[in-house]
């Protein structure tokens, strides 16, 4: 987490607007955050560089979100995940200082069965369920399951 006290002083109005647009909540965990600067309270709002500076992210409001201290420290210098990019695009609809990012090329995965692309919606659904899909459709998924069952039966027979 990088110290951004100069931004807090010079851009207080814009930070307050972002706080309102985010519904007074942390961008990542949705915990209510407060606007007291330099506090030890974990619910204190911090400015997070959504695309990390260490990875060529910009140091201005086109790359900022408000996060609680815990989430900001946990994220550190990693790139945003696919669900976070979706949240970013939702925020871009309400906050004019950021631009949505194209998700077309993000995490482009291919089906392990047929080699076809796995639709972004399918990837998001699987992440929300707590797993990561390896197939492009229900049909490929069923075929993979059958293949595993047949392999297990053959191994038992040997």
N, C-alpha and C. Protein backbone atom coordinates (compact mmCIF):
# COMPACT_ATOMS: atom_id res chain seq x y z
N UNK A 1 0.85 -1.17 0.00
CA UNK A 1 0.00 0.00 0.00
C UNK A 1 0.90 1.23 0.00
N UNK A 2 0.71 2.12 -0.91
CA UNK A 2 1.54 3.31 -1.07
C UNK A 2 0.89 4.49 -0.35
N UNK A 3 1.70 5.30 0.28
CA UNK A 3 1.19 6.48 0.97
C UNK A 3 0.67 7.49 -0.05
N UNK A 4 -0.56 7.92 0.11
CA UNK A 4 -1.15 8.86 -0.84
C UNK A 4 -1.73 10.06 -0.11
N UNK A 5 -1.01 10.56 0.91
CA UNK A 5 -1.54 11.66 1.72
C UNK A 5 -1.69 12.94 0.90
N UNK A 6 -0.83 13.16 -0.10
CA UNK A 6 -0.95 14.35 -0.94
C UNK A 6 -2.28 14.31 -1.70
N UNK A 7 -2.62 13.13 -2.22
CA UNK A 7 -3.91 13.01 -2.90
C UNK A 7 -5.06 13.30 -1.94
N UNK A 8 -4.97 12.80 -0.70
CA UNK A 8 -6.03 13.04 0.27
C UNK A 8 -6.24 14.53 0.47
N UNK A 9 -5.15 15.29 0.52
CA UNK A 9 -5.27 16.72 0.78
C UNK A 9 -5.78 17.48 -0.44
N UNK A 10 -5.24 17.18 -1.62
CA UNK A 10 -5.57 17.96 -2.80
C UNK A 10 -6.87 17.53 -3.48
N UNK A 11 -7.24 16.31 -3.31
CA UNK A 11 -8.40 15.78 -4.04
C UNK A 11 -9.51 15.32 -3.10
N UNK A 12 -9.63 15.94 -1.96
CA UNK A 12 -10.62 15.53 -0.96
C UNK A 12 -12.05 15.47 -1.53
N UNK A 13 -12.41 16.45 -2.35
CA UNK A 13 -13.76 16.48 -2.93
C UNK A 13 -14.00 15.24 -3.80
N UNK A 14 -13.03 14.92 -4.64
CA UNK A 14 -13.18 13.77 -5.54
C UNK A 14 -13.21 12.45 -4.76
N UNK A 15 -12.43 12.36 -3.71
CA UNK A 15 -12.43 11.16 -2.87
C UNK A 15 -13.79 10.99 -2.20
N UNK A 16 -14.36 12.10 -1.71
CA UNK A 16 -15.70 12.03 -1.11
C UNK A 16 -16.75 11.60 -2.13
N UNK A 17 -16.61 12.06 -3.36
CA UNK A 17 -17.54 11.63 -4.42
C UNK A 17 -17.41 10.13 -4.67
N UNK A 18 -16.18 9.64 -4.75
CA UNK A 18 -15.96 8.20 -4.96
C UNK A 18 -16.53 7.40 -3.80
N UNK A 19 -16.36 7.91 -2.59
CA UNK A 19 -16.92 7.26 -1.41
C UNK A 19 -18.44 7.12 -1.54
N UNK A 20 -19.08 8.18 -2.02
CA UNK A 20 -20.54 8.14 -2.21
C UNK A 20 -20.92 7.18 -3.33
N UNK A 21 -20.19 7.21 -4.43
CA UNK A 21 -20.50 6.33 -5.57
C UNK A 21 -20.35 4.86 -5.17
N UNK A 22 -19.36 4.56 -4.34
CA UNK A 22 -19.17 3.18 -3.88
C UNK A 22 -20.12 2.81 -2.75
N UNK A 23 -21.02 3.71 -2.40
CA UNK A 23 -22.00 3.43 -1.35
C UNK A 23 -21.39 3.36 0.04
N UNK A 24 -20.31 4.11 0.28
CA UNK A 24 -19.59 4.12 1.55
C UNK A 24 -19.08 2.73 1.93
N UNK A 25 -18.76 1.92 0.90
CA UNK A 25 -18.32 0.54 1.14
C UNK A 25 -17.00 0.26 0.45
N UNK A 26 -16.28 -0.70 1.01
CA UNK A 26 -15.03 -1.15 0.42
C UNK A 26 -15.32 -1.75 -0.95
N UNK A 27 -14.50 -1.43 -1.93
CA UNK A 27 -14.69 -1.94 -3.28
C UNK A 27 -14.64 -3.47 -3.31
N UNK A 28 -13.81 -4.08 -2.49
CA UNK A 28 -13.58 -5.52 -2.55
C UNK A 28 -14.52 -6.34 -1.67
N UNK A 29 -14.62 -5.98 -0.37
CA UNK A 29 -15.40 -6.83 0.54
C UNK A 29 -16.76 -6.24 0.90
N UNK A 30 -17.04 -5.02 0.46
CA UNK A 30 -18.32 -4.34 0.69
C UNK A 30 -18.59 -3.98 2.15
N UNK A 31 -17.55 -4.01 3.00
CA UNK A 31 -17.67 -3.56 4.38
C UNK A 31 -17.82 -2.04 4.37
N UNK A 32 -18.61 -1.51 5.30
CA UNK A 32 -18.74 -0.06 5.42
C UNK A 32 -17.40 0.52 5.81
N UNK A 33 -16.97 1.56 5.08
CA UNK A 33 -15.68 2.20 5.37
C UNK A 33 -15.91 3.65 5.77
N UNK A 34 -14.99 4.16 6.59
CA UNK A 34 -15.08 5.54 7.08
C UNK A 34 -14.03 6.38 6.39
N UNK A 35 -14.24 7.69 6.38
CA UNK A 35 -13.34 8.61 5.68
C UNK A 35 -12.38 9.32 6.63
N UNK A 36 -11.99 8.67 7.71
CA UNK A 36 -11.01 9.24 8.63
C UNK A 36 -9.64 8.83 8.13
N UNK A 37 -8.80 9.82 7.79
CA UNK A 37 -7.48 9.46 7.27
C UNK A 37 -6.49 9.22 8.42
N UNK A 38 -5.50 8.38 8.12
CA UNK A 38 -4.43 8.03 9.08
C UNK A 38 -4.99 7.48 10.39
N UNK A 39 -5.87 6.53 10.28
CA UNK A 39 -6.45 5.90 11.44
C UNK A 39 -5.97 4.45 11.50
N UNK A 40 -6.01 3.86 12.68
CA UNK A 40 -5.66 2.44 12.81
C UNK A 40 -6.90 1.55 12.69
N UNK A 41 -8.05 2.18 12.55
CA UNK A 41 -9.30 1.43 12.39
C UNK A 41 -9.26 0.67 11.06
N UNK A 42 -9.45 -0.66 11.07
CA UNK A 42 -9.40 -1.43 9.82
C UNK A 42 -10.49 -1.05 8.82
N UNK A 43 -11.53 -0.34 9.30
CA UNK A 43 -12.59 0.09 8.39
C UNK A 43 -12.31 1.46 7.78
N UNK A 44 -11.13 1.97 8.03
CA UNK A 44 -10.73 3.27 7.49
C UNK A 44 -10.49 3.13 5.98
N UNK A 45 -11.02 4.07 5.20
CA UNK A 45 -10.87 4.03 3.75
C UNK A 45 -9.43 4.31 3.35
N UNK A 46 -8.94 3.53 2.40
CA UNK A 46 -7.63 3.76 1.80
C UNK A 46 -7.80 3.82 0.30
N UNK A 47 -6.92 4.55 -0.36
CA UNK A 47 -6.93 4.60 -1.82
C UNK A 47 -6.13 3.42 -2.35
N UNK A 48 -6.76 2.61 -3.17
CA UNK A 48 -6.07 1.46 -3.75
C UNK A 48 -5.87 1.70 -5.24
N UNK A 49 -4.67 1.44 -5.72
CA UNK A 49 -4.41 1.47 -7.16
C UNK A 49 -4.93 0.14 -7.71
N UNK A 50 -6.05 0.19 -8.43
CA UNK A 50 -6.70 -1.01 -8.91
C UNK A 50 -5.74 -1.84 -9.77
N UNK A 51 -5.08 -1.18 -10.72
CA UNK A 51 -4.01 -1.82 -11.48
C UNK A 51 -2.72 -1.35 -10.80
N UNK A 52 -1.98 -2.25 -10.15
CA UNK A 52 -0.85 -1.85 -9.30
C UNK A 52 0.19 -1.00 -10.01
N UNK A 53 0.72 -0.03 -9.27
CA UNK A 53 1.79 0.81 -9.81
C UNK A 53 2.99 -0.04 -10.20
N UNK A 54 3.26 -1.07 -9.42
CA UNK A 54 4.41 -1.94 -9.69
C UNK A 54 4.27 -2.66 -11.02
N UNK A 55 3.03 -2.75 -11.52
CA UNK A 55 2.78 -3.43 -12.79
C UNK A 55 2.29 -2.45 -13.84
N UNK A 56 2.84 -1.23 -13.80
CA UNK A 56 2.57 -0.19 -14.78
C UNK A 56 1.19 0.45 -14.67
N UNK A 57 0.54 0.38 -13.49
CA UNK A 57 -0.73 1.07 -13.30
C UNK A 57 -0.50 2.57 -13.17
N UNK A 58 -1.54 3.35 -13.44
CA UNK A 58 -1.44 4.82 -13.37
C UNK A 58 -1.63 5.30 -11.95
N UNK A 59 -1.01 6.43 -11.64
CA UNK A 59 -1.11 7.02 -10.31
C UNK A 59 -2.06 8.23 -10.35
N UNK A 60 -3.31 7.98 -10.76
CA UNK A 60 -4.32 9.04 -10.77
C UNK A 60 -5.69 8.41 -10.56
N UNK A 61 -6.72 9.25 -10.56
CA UNK A 61 -8.06 8.76 -10.24
C UNK A 61 -8.65 7.81 -11.28
N UNK A 62 -8.04 7.71 -12.44
CA UNK A 62 -8.54 6.75 -13.42
C UNK A 62 -8.15 5.33 -13.03
N UNK A 63 -7.42 5.17 -11.92
CA UNK A 63 -6.95 3.86 -11.48
C UNK A 63 -7.14 3.68 -9.97
N UNK A 64 -8.11 4.37 -9.39
CA UNK A 64 -8.28 4.32 -7.93
C UNK A 64 -9.65 3.80 -7.52
N UNK A 65 -9.63 3.06 -6.43
CA UNK A 65 -10.86 2.67 -5.74
C UNK A 65 -10.60 2.86 -4.25
N UNK A 66 -11.67 2.95 -3.48
CA UNK A 66 -11.54 3.01 -2.03
C UNK A 66 -11.71 1.61 -1.47
N UNK A 67 -10.78 1.24 -0.59
CA UNK A 67 -10.82 -0.09 0.02
C UNK A 67 -10.51 0.03 1.51
N UNK A 68 -11.00 -0.93 2.27
CA UNK A 68 -10.63 -0.96 3.68
C UNK A 68 -9.15 -1.35 3.76
N UNK A 69 -8.54 -1.05 4.89
CA UNK A 69 -7.10 -1.33 5.04
C UNK A 69 -6.77 -2.80 4.79
N UNK A 70 -7.58 -3.68 5.34
CA UNK A 70 -7.32 -5.12 5.21
C UNK A 70 -7.31 -5.57 3.76
N UNK A 71 -8.31 -5.15 2.99
CA UNK A 71 -8.38 -5.55 1.58
C UNK A 71 -7.24 -4.94 0.77
N UNK A 72 -6.91 -3.69 1.06
CA UNK A 72 -5.83 -3.04 0.33
C UNK A 72 -4.51 -3.77 0.60
N UNK A 73 -4.26 -4.14 1.84
CA UNK A 73 -3.03 -4.86 2.18
C UNK A 73 -3.05 -6.27 1.59
N UNK A 74 -4.19 -6.91 1.60
CA UNK A 74 -4.30 -8.27 1.06
C UNK A 74 -4.07 -8.28 -0.44
N UNK A 75 -4.61 -7.29 -1.14
CA UNK A 75 -4.44 -7.23 -2.59
C UNK A 75 -3.00 -6.95 -2.98
N UNK A 76 -2.36 -6.07 -2.25
CA UNK A 76 -0.95 -5.71 -2.48
C UNK A 76 -0.71 -5.36 -3.95
N UNK A 77 0.24 -6.02 -4.58
CA UNK A 77 0.62 -5.71 -5.97
C UNK A 77 0.15 -6.74 -6.97
N UNK A 78 -0.93 -7.43 -6.67
CA UNK A 78 -1.42 -8.41 -7.65
C UNK A 78 -2.41 -7.76 -8.61
N UNK A 79 -2.51 -8.33 -9.79
CA UNK A 79 -3.48 -7.85 -10.78
C UNK A 79 -4.89 -8.21 -10.32
N UNK A 80 -5.89 -7.45 -10.75
CA UNK A 80 -7.27 -7.76 -10.36
C UNK A 80 -7.73 -9.10 -10.94
N UNK A 81 -8.60 -9.75 -10.19
CA UNK A 81 -9.19 -11.01 -10.64
C UNK A 81 -10.35 -10.70 -11.60
N UNK A 82 -10.84 -11.72 -12.24
CA UNK A 82 -11.96 -11.56 -13.17
C UNK A 82 -13.19 -10.97 -12.48
N UNK A 83 -13.63 -11.47 -11.32
CA UNK A 83 -14.78 -10.85 -10.65
C UNK A 83 -14.52 -9.39 -10.27
N UNK A 84 -13.29 -9.05 -9.91
CA UNK A 84 -12.97 -7.66 -9.59
C UNK A 84 -13.04 -6.78 -10.83
N UNK A 85 -12.65 -7.31 -11.98
CA UNK A 85 -12.77 -6.55 -13.22
C UNK A 85 -14.23 -6.29 -13.57
N UNK A 86 -15.09 -7.26 -13.29
CA UNK A 86 -16.53 -7.07 -13.52
C UNK A 86 -17.05 -5.96 -12.62
N UNK A 87 -16.64 -5.96 -11.33
CA UNK A 87 -17.03 -4.88 -10.40
C UNK A 87 -16.51 -3.53 -10.89
N UNK A 88 -15.27 -3.52 -11.42
CA UNK A 88 -14.66 -2.30 -11.95
C UNK A 88 -15.54 -1.74 -13.07
N UNK A 89 -15.99 -2.60 -13.96
CA UNK A 89 -16.84 -2.15 -15.07
C UNK A 89 -18.18 -1.63 -14.57
N UNK A 90 -18.70 -2.22 -13.51
CA UNK A 90 -19.95 -1.71 -12.91
C UNK A 90 -19.72 -0.33 -12.31
N UNK A 91 -18.57 -0.15 -11.64
CA UNK A 91 -18.23 1.16 -11.06
C UNK A 91 -18.04 2.20 -12.16
N UNK A 92 -17.47 1.80 -13.28
CA UNK A 92 -17.23 2.73 -14.40
C UNK A 92 -18.54 3.30 -14.95
N UNK A 93 -19.64 2.58 -14.79
CA UNK A 93 -20.93 3.09 -15.25
C UNK A 93 -21.42 4.25 -14.37
N UNK A 94 -20.96 4.29 -13.11
CA UNK A 94 -21.41 5.33 -12.18
C UNK A 94 -20.36 6.41 -11.94
N UNK A 95 -19.10 6.10 -12.18
CA UNK A 95 -17.99 7.00 -11.84
C UNK A 95 -17.28 7.39 -13.13
N UNK A 96 -17.40 8.65 -13.56
CA UNK A 96 -16.90 9.06 -14.88
C UNK A 96 -15.37 9.13 -15.01
N UNK A 97 -14.65 8.99 -13.91
CA UNK A 97 -13.19 9.14 -13.96
C UNK A 97 -12.46 7.87 -14.38
N UNK A 98 -13.18 6.75 -14.45
CA UNK A 98 -12.54 5.50 -14.88
C UNK A 98 -13.22 4.98 -16.13
N UNK A 99 -12.50 4.16 -16.86
CA UNK A 99 -13.03 3.56 -18.08
C UNK A 99 -13.20 2.06 -17.87
N UNK A 100 -14.25 1.50 -18.43
CA UNK A 100 -14.38 0.04 -18.33
C UNK A 100 -13.27 -0.65 -19.12
N UNK A 101 -12.95 -1.86 -18.71
CA UNK A 101 -11.94 -2.64 -19.42
C UNK A 101 -12.63 -3.75 -20.20
N UNK A 102 -12.04 -4.11 -21.32
CA UNK A 102 -12.59 -5.19 -22.14
C UNK A 102 -12.25 -6.53 -21.49
N UNK A 103 -13.26 -7.35 -21.33
CA UNK A 103 -13.05 -8.66 -20.73
C UNK A 103 -12.88 -9.75 -21.79
N UNK A 104 -12.90 -9.37 -23.06
CA UNK A 104 -12.81 -10.35 -24.14
C UNK A 104 -11.54 -11.18 -24.07
N UNK A 105 -10.41 -10.54 -23.80
CA UNK A 105 -9.15 -11.25 -23.81
C UNK A 105 -8.70 -11.68 -22.42
N UNK A 106 -9.39 -11.20 -21.40
CA UNK A 106 -8.97 -11.55 -20.04
C UNK A 106 -9.28 -13.01 -19.75
N UNK A 107 -8.27 -13.72 -19.32
CA UNK A 107 -8.47 -15.09 -18.89
C UNK A 107 -9.05 -15.99 -19.95
N UNK A 108 -8.72 -15.73 -21.21
CA UNK A 108 -9.24 -16.57 -22.29
C UNK A 108 -8.80 -18.01 -22.06
N UNK A 109 -9.77 -18.87 -21.80
CA UNK A 109 -9.46 -20.27 -21.52
C UNK A 109 -10.09 -21.14 -22.58
N UNK A 110 -9.44 -22.26 -22.81
CA UNK A 110 -9.93 -23.22 -23.79
C UNK A 110 -10.40 -24.47 -23.09
N UNK A 111 -11.43 -25.07 -23.64
CA UNK A 111 -12.03 -26.29 -23.12
C UNK A 111 -11.00 -27.44 -23.21
N UNK A 112 -10.87 -28.20 -22.13
CA UNK A 112 -9.91 -29.31 -22.14
C UNK A 112 -10.40 -30.48 -22.98
N UNK A 113 -11.70 -30.52 -23.28
CA UNK A 113 -12.23 -31.62 -24.08
C UNK A 113 -12.20 -31.32 -25.57
N UNK A 114 -12.79 -30.17 -25.97
CA UNK A 114 -12.93 -29.90 -27.41
C UNK A 114 -12.00 -28.80 -27.91
N UNK A 115 -11.36 -28.06 -27.00
CA UNK A 115 -10.45 -27.00 -27.41
C UNK A 115 -11.12 -25.68 -27.74
N UNK A 116 -12.44 -25.61 -27.64
CA UNK A 116 -13.18 -24.38 -27.91
C UNK A 116 -13.05 -23.40 -26.76
N UNK A 117 -13.32 -22.11 -27.01
CA UNK A 117 -13.21 -21.12 -25.94
C UNK A 117 -14.31 -21.29 -24.90
N UNK A 118 -13.94 -21.07 -23.65
CA UNK A 118 -14.92 -21.11 -22.56
C UNK A 118 -15.49 -19.70 -22.42
N UNK A 119 -16.80 -19.58 -22.53
CA UNK A 119 -17.46 -18.27 -22.46
C UNK A 119 -17.18 -17.60 -21.12
N UNK A 120 -17.02 -16.29 -21.17
CA UNK A 120 -16.73 -15.52 -19.98
C UNK A 120 -17.81 -15.71 -18.92
N UNK A 121 -19.06 -15.76 -19.33
CA UNK A 121 -20.17 -15.95 -18.39
C UNK A 121 -20.03 -17.28 -17.65
N UNK A 122 -19.61 -18.32 -18.37
CA UNK A 122 -19.43 -19.64 -17.75
C UNK A 122 -18.28 -19.59 -16.74
N UNK A 123 -17.21 -18.88 -17.08
CA UNK A 123 -16.09 -18.74 -16.15
C UNK A 123 -16.53 -18.03 -14.88
N UNK A 124 -17.30 -16.94 -15.04
CA UNK A 124 -17.77 -16.19 -13.87
C UNK A 124 -18.69 -17.03 -13.00
N UNK A 125 -19.61 -17.77 -13.63
CA UNK A 125 -20.52 -18.61 -12.86
C UNK A 125 -19.76 -19.66 -12.06
N UNK A 126 -18.75 -20.25 -12.68
CA UNK A 126 -17.99 -21.28 -11.98
C UNK A 126 -17.21 -20.68 -10.82
N UNK A 127 -16.66 -19.49 -10.99
CA UNK A 127 -15.92 -18.83 -9.91
C UNK A 127 -16.86 -18.51 -8.75
N UNK A 128 -18.09 -18.08 -9.06
CA UNK A 128 -19.06 -17.76 -8.02
C UNK A 128 -19.47 -19.01 -7.25
N UNK A 129 -19.40 -20.17 -7.89
CA UNK A 129 -19.73 -21.44 -7.23
C UNK A 129 -18.55 -21.99 -6.43
N UNK A 130 -17.40 -21.34 -6.54
CA UNK A 130 -16.24 -21.78 -5.78
C UNK A 130 -15.38 -22.81 -6.50
N UNK A 131 -15.56 -22.95 -7.79
CA UNK A 131 -14.73 -23.86 -8.57
C UNK A 131 -14.35 -23.17 -9.87
N UNK A 132 -13.47 -23.78 -10.62
CA UNK A 132 -13.07 -23.18 -11.88
C UNK A 132 -13.33 -24.18 -13.00
N UNK A 133 -14.18 -23.82 -13.93
CA UNK A 133 -14.55 -24.75 -14.99
C UNK A 133 -13.40 -25.00 -15.95
N UNK A 134 -13.39 -26.19 -16.51
CA UNK A 134 -12.36 -26.56 -17.49
C UNK A 134 -12.99 -26.87 -18.84
N UNK A 135 -14.33 -26.80 -18.89
CA UNK A 135 -15.04 -27.14 -20.12
C UNK A 135 -15.91 -26.00 -20.60
N UNK A 136 -16.22 -26.02 -21.89
CA UNK A 136 -16.95 -24.90 -22.49
C UNK A 136 -18.46 -25.04 -22.36
N UNK A 137 -18.96 -26.23 -22.06
CA UNK A 137 -20.41 -26.42 -22.00
C UNK A 137 -20.76 -27.59 -21.10
N UNK A 138 -22.04 -27.71 -20.85
CA UNK A 138 -22.55 -28.83 -20.05
C UNK A 138 -22.28 -30.15 -20.77
N UNK A 139 -22.38 -30.15 -22.09
CA UNK A 139 -22.14 -31.37 -22.88
C UNK A 139 -20.70 -31.84 -22.72
N UNK A 140 -19.74 -30.92 -22.85
CA UNK A 140 -18.33 -31.29 -22.68
C UNK A 140 -18.06 -31.73 -21.24
N UNK A 141 -18.71 -31.07 -20.30
CA UNK A 141 -18.53 -31.42 -18.89
C UNK A 141 -19.01 -32.84 -18.63
N UNK A 142 -20.18 -33.19 -19.17
CA UNK A 142 -20.72 -34.56 -19.00
C UNK A 142 -19.81 -35.58 -19.67
N UNK A 143 -19.29 -35.25 -20.84
CA UNK A 143 -18.39 -36.17 -21.55
C UNK A 143 -17.12 -36.41 -20.73
N UNK A 144 -16.59 -35.36 -20.11
CA UNK A 144 -15.40 -35.51 -19.28
C UNK A 144 -15.69 -36.38 -18.07
N UNK A 145 -16.86 -36.20 -17.49
CA UNK A 145 -17.24 -36.99 -16.32
C UNK A 145 -17.36 -38.47 -16.69
N UNK A 146 -17.99 -38.73 -17.84
CA UNK A 146 -18.11 -40.12 -18.32
C UNK A 146 -16.74 -40.73 -18.57
N UNK A 147 -15.83 -39.94 -19.17
CA UNK A 147 -14.49 -40.43 -19.46
C UNK A 147 -13.77 -40.81 -18.16
N UNK A 148 -13.93 -40.00 -17.11
CA UNK A 148 -13.30 -40.31 -15.83
C UNK A 148 -13.89 -41.57 -15.21
N UNK A 149 -15.22 -41.73 -15.34
CA UNK A 149 -15.86 -42.92 -14.79
C UNK A 149 -15.38 -44.18 -15.50
N UNK A 150 -15.25 -44.11 -16.82
CA UNK A 150 -14.78 -45.27 -17.59
C UNK A 150 -13.34 -45.60 -17.22
N UNK A 151 -12.50 -44.57 -17.06
CA UNK A 151 -11.12 -44.78 -16.67
C UNK A 151 -11.03 -45.44 -15.30
N UNK A 152 -11.88 -45.01 -14.36
CA UNK A 152 -11.89 -45.57 -13.01
C UNK A 152 -12.30 -47.03 -13.04
N UNK A 153 -13.30 -47.37 -13.86
CA UNK A 153 -13.75 -48.75 -13.97
C UNK A 153 -12.64 -49.62 -14.55
N UNK A 154 -11.93 -49.12 -15.58
CA UNK A 154 -10.82 -49.89 -16.18
C UNK A 154 -9.69 -50.11 -15.19
N UNK A 155 -9.39 -49.07 -14.39
CA UNK A 155 -8.33 -49.22 -13.39
C UNK A 155 -8.71 -50.25 -12.34
N UNK A 156 -9.99 -50.27 -11.95
CA UNK A 156 -10.46 -51.25 -10.97
C UNK A 156 -10.39 -52.67 -11.53
N UNK A 157 -10.64 -52.79 -12.84
CA UNK A 157 -10.62 -54.11 -13.49
C UNK A 157 -9.21 -54.66 -13.58
N UNK A 158 -8.22 -53.79 -13.68
CA UNK A 158 -6.83 -54.25 -13.79
C UNK A 158 -6.34 -54.69 -12.46
